[in-house]
Protein backbone atom coordinates (compact mmCIF):
# COMPACT_ATOMS: atom_id res chain seq x y z
CA MET A 1 -31.75 -25.81 -18.26
CA LYS A 2 -30.21 -22.62 -18.88
CA LYS A 3 -29.57 -22.24 -15.09
CA THR A 4 -28.10 -25.17 -15.22
CA LYS A 5 -25.57 -24.35 -17.90
CA ILE A 6 -24.72 -21.40 -16.42
CA VAL A 7 -24.25 -23.19 -12.71
CA ALA A 8 -21.61 -26.15 -14.18
CA MET A 9 -19.93 -23.52 -15.91
CA GLY A 10 -19.43 -20.88 -12.65
CA GLY A 11 -19.09 -24.46 -11.20
CA LEU A 12 -15.51 -25.34 -13.76
CA VAL A 13 -14.80 -21.45 -13.91
CA ILE A 14 -14.10 -22.20 -10.13
CA PHE A 15 -12.84 -25.72 -9.59
CA ALA A 16 -9.95 -24.41 -12.65
CA ALA A 17 -9.39 -21.11 -10.79
CA PHE A 18 -8.94 -23.21 -7.69
CA LEU A 19 -6.81 -25.65 -9.68
CA LEU A 20 -4.87 -22.57 -11.11
CA PHE A 21 -3.60 -21.55 -7.48
CA LEU A 22 -2.87 -24.35 -5.63
CA PRO A 23 0.61 -25.05 -5.50
CA SER A 24 2.28 -28.59 -4.75
CA ALA A 25 3.51 -29.75 -1.79
CA GLY A 26 7.06 -29.07 -3.65
CA GLU A 27 5.89 -25.87 -5.00
CA ALA A 28 4.74 -24.25 -1.92
CA GLN A 29 7.95 -24.77 -0.56
CA SER A 30 10.04 -23.16 -3.27
CA ALA A 31 8.16 -20.57 -3.54
CA LYS A 32 8.33 -19.34 0.00
CA GLU A 33 11.89 -19.51 -0.56
CA THR A 34 11.93 -16.78 -2.63
CA TYR A 35 9.58 -14.25 -1.32
CA PRO A 36 9.32 -12.79 2.61
CA THR A 37 6.66 -13.28 4.96
CA SER A 38 6.59 -9.82 6.21
CA GLU A 39 8.02 -6.53 5.57
CA LEU A 40 8.59 -3.72 7.51
CA PHE A 41 9.25 0.12 5.35
CA ALA A 42 10.54 2.93 7.38
CA GLY A 43 10.96 6.21 6.16
CA PHE A 44 11.01 10.22 4.65
CA ARG A 45 7.02 10.79 2.88
CA TYR A 46 6.58 13.91 1.02
CA GLN A 47 2.56 14.83 0.43
CA SER A 48 1.46 17.39 -1.76
CA ILE A 49 -1.91 19.00 -0.07
CA ALA A 50 -4.98 20.15 -2.01
CA SER A 51 -3.59 19.97 -5.27
CA GLY A 52 -0.34 21.48 -4.49
CA GLN A 53 -1.48 24.11 -2.49
CA ALA A 54 0.22 24.03 0.90
CA ASN A 55 3.10 21.10 1.08
CA GLY A 56 4.18 19.21 3.60
CA TYR A 57 7.50 16.14 5.22
CA GLY A 58 8.12 13.68 7.59
CA TRP A 59 7.76 10.38 7.89
CA GLY A 60 6.08 6.65 6.76
CA LEU A 61 6.25 3.00 8.02
CA GLY A 62 4.82 0.31 6.76
CA GLY A 63 4.26 -3.28 7.39
CA ALA A 64 2.93 -5.94 4.19
CA TRP A 65 2.54 -10.34 4.99
CA ASN A 66 2.55 -11.19 1.73
CA PHE A 67 -0.29 -14.82 1.18
CA HIS A 68 1.52 -16.35 -1.49
CA ARG A 69 4.24 -14.49 -3.58
CA ASN A 70 2.69 -12.12 -5.47
CA PHE A 71 -0.57 -11.07 -3.35
CA GLY A 72 -0.11 -9.91 -0.02
CA LEU A 73 -2.47 -6.80 2.93
CA ALA A 74 -0.17 -4.09 3.20
CA VAL A 75 -0.64 -1.77 6.22
CA GLU A 76 0.93 1.68 6.64
CA GLY A 77 1.04 5.21 8.68
CA GLY A 78 2.66 8.19 9.10
CA GLY A 79 2.62 12.17 9.79
CA VAL A 80 2.95 15.20 7.77
CA TYR A 81 3.82 18.87 8.61
CA GLY A 82 3.87 21.40 7.33
CA GLY A 83 2.98 25.52 6.36
CA ALA A 84 0.76 27.46 3.85
CA SER A 85 -0.70 30.95 4.11
CA GLY A 86 0.94 31.17 7.28
CA GLY A 87 -0.50 29.14 9.68
CA SER A 88 0.99 24.83 9.86
CA PHE A 89 -0.49 22.22 9.84
CA THR A 90 -0.46 18.22 10.78
CA ILE A 91 -1.93 14.35 9.36
CA HIS A 92 -1.60 12.05 11.35
CA ASP A 93 -3.25 9.01 9.12
CA ILE A 94 -3.69 4.78 8.53
CA LEU A 95 -4.21 2.49 6.14
CA ILE A 96 -4.91 -1.12 4.85
CA GLY A 97 -5.09 -3.35 2.22
CA PRO A 98 -4.78 -5.49 -0.64
CA ARG A 99 -0.87 -5.35 -2.40
CA ILE A 100 0.11 -6.13 -5.76
CA THR A 101 3.58 -7.30 -6.22
CA LEU A 102 5.98 -8.27 -9.09
CA ARG A 103 9.69 -9.85 -8.09
CA GLY A 104 12.33 -10.29 -9.62
CA GLU A 105 15.80 -10.35 -8.88
CA TYR A 106 16.73 -6.45 -8.64
CA PHE A 107 13.82 -5.22 -7.99
CA ASN A 108 10.39 -5.61 -6.95
CA VAL A 109 6.92 -3.36 -7.85
CA PHE A 110 3.78 -3.29 -6.31
CA VAL A 111 0.84 -1.51 -6.53
CA HIS A 112 -1.51 -1.33 -4.12
CA ALA A 113 -5.32 0.46 -2.47
CA LEU A 114 -5.20 0.93 0.71
CA ALA A 115 -8.63 2.31 3.26
CA GLY A 116 -8.46 4.47 6.63
CA GLY A 117 -8.49 7.14 8.53
CA ALA A 118 -6.95 10.18 8.70
CA VAL A 119 -6.22 13.36 11.60
CA VAL A 120 -6.10 16.74 9.82
CA SER A 121 -5.50 19.41 12.44
CA ALA A 122 -4.59 22.43 11.10
CA GLY A 123 -4.89 26.57 12.22
CA GLY A 124 -5.45 25.44 16.20
CA LEU A 125 -8.62 22.72 14.33
CA ALA A 126 -9.12 19.53 14.72
CA GLY A 127 -10.76 17.17 12.92
CA GLY A 128 -10.92 13.27 11.53
CA GLY A 129 -11.89 11.94 7.77
CA PHE A 130 -12.31 8.96 5.58
CA GLU A 131 -8.88 7.93 3.48
CA PHE A 132 -8.43 5.91 0.47
CA ALA A 133 -4.78 5.58 -1.78
CA GLY A 134 -3.86 3.89 -4.50
CA GLY A 135 -1.28 3.70 -6.24
CA GLY A 136 2.50 1.31 -5.78
CA GLY A 137 6.37 1.60 -5.43
CA LEU A 138 9.41 0.30 -6.57
CA ASP A 139 12.40 -1.49 -4.31
CA TYR A 140 15.48 -1.89 -5.79
CA ASN A 141 17.01 -5.91 -3.35
CA ILE A 142 19.68 -4.92 -1.42
CA ASN A 143 19.69 -8.78 -0.18
CA LYS A 144 17.55 -11.08 0.98
CA ASN A 145 16.73 -8.87 3.77
CA LEU A 146 17.05 -4.94 2.90
CA ALA A 147 16.03 -3.80 0.11
CA TRP A 148 15.27 0.31 -0.83
CA ARG A 149 12.25 1.68 -1.43
CA ILE A 150 13.37 3.62 -4.43
CA ALA A 151 9.75 5.15 -4.36
CA GLN A 152 7.05 4.61 -3.80
CA VAL A 153 3.84 6.99 -4.97
CA ASP A 154 0.07 7.82 -4.33
CA TYR A 155 -2.93 9.21 -4.83
CA VAL A 156 -3.89 10.36 -1.31
CA GLY A 157 -8.37 11.25 -0.36
CA ILE A 158 -9.03 12.48 2.35
CA SER A 159 -13.29 13.30 3.34
CA GLY A 160 -14.73 15.10 5.87
CA GLY A 161 -16.75 17.43 5.83
CA GLY A 162 -18.20 16.77 2.41
CA GLN A 163 -15.64 17.55 0.16
CA ILE A 164 -12.46 15.59 -0.66
CA LEU A 165 -8.66 16.89 -0.32
CA ASN A 166 -7.24 15.48 -2.99
CA ASN A 167 -2.94 15.07 -2.38
CA ILE A 168 0.00 12.74 -3.88
CA ARG A 169 1.69 11.40 -1.84
CA ALA A 170 5.90 10.16 -2.13
CA GLN A 171 7.76 8.23 -0.58
CA THR A 172 11.37 6.82 -0.19
CA GLY A 173 12.87 4.12 1.78
CA VAL A 174 14.51 1.12 3.63
CA VAL A 175 12.40 -2.41 3.98
CA PHE A 176 12.85 -4.70 5.89
CA ARG A 177 12.25 -8.49 4.83
CA PHE A 178 11.90 -11.23 7.24
CA HIS A 179 11.35 -15.62 5.17
């Protein structure tokens, strides 16, 4: 008897969630007009490597496909170049993951969790590893199709050789929006 009640309650919760996120045809049309279906970011990247032991500068590219006004899938990649202790290093990465965006008239705020891979080269040696990032950012809406990413700040972990390299990454640049 208890199992039946639990299954019935679970079914009701799933049905209620389905109704909550299922917009009517009119709502879907008006929501589509108020948010971009895709976005493209291009900008400058700064990365603090290994908790401040080295710093690197480079470029970042990203894309987002928005399935809903507030939910989408983000893809990011980039390169960072720098030096420490008389040597140089490079980091190239690509990441993908979910993004949640709160959209306003003048500003959009987002958070995301990303995972992917990185290739790190230092002192003539190169190696790849799993990379994960979590953070968010703030975009200023210039017009319907263009925004300035004021700041995006992420914690970035790169694993390899049994260790995790802790990094903080900051980006700024332009966001092109497509409706």
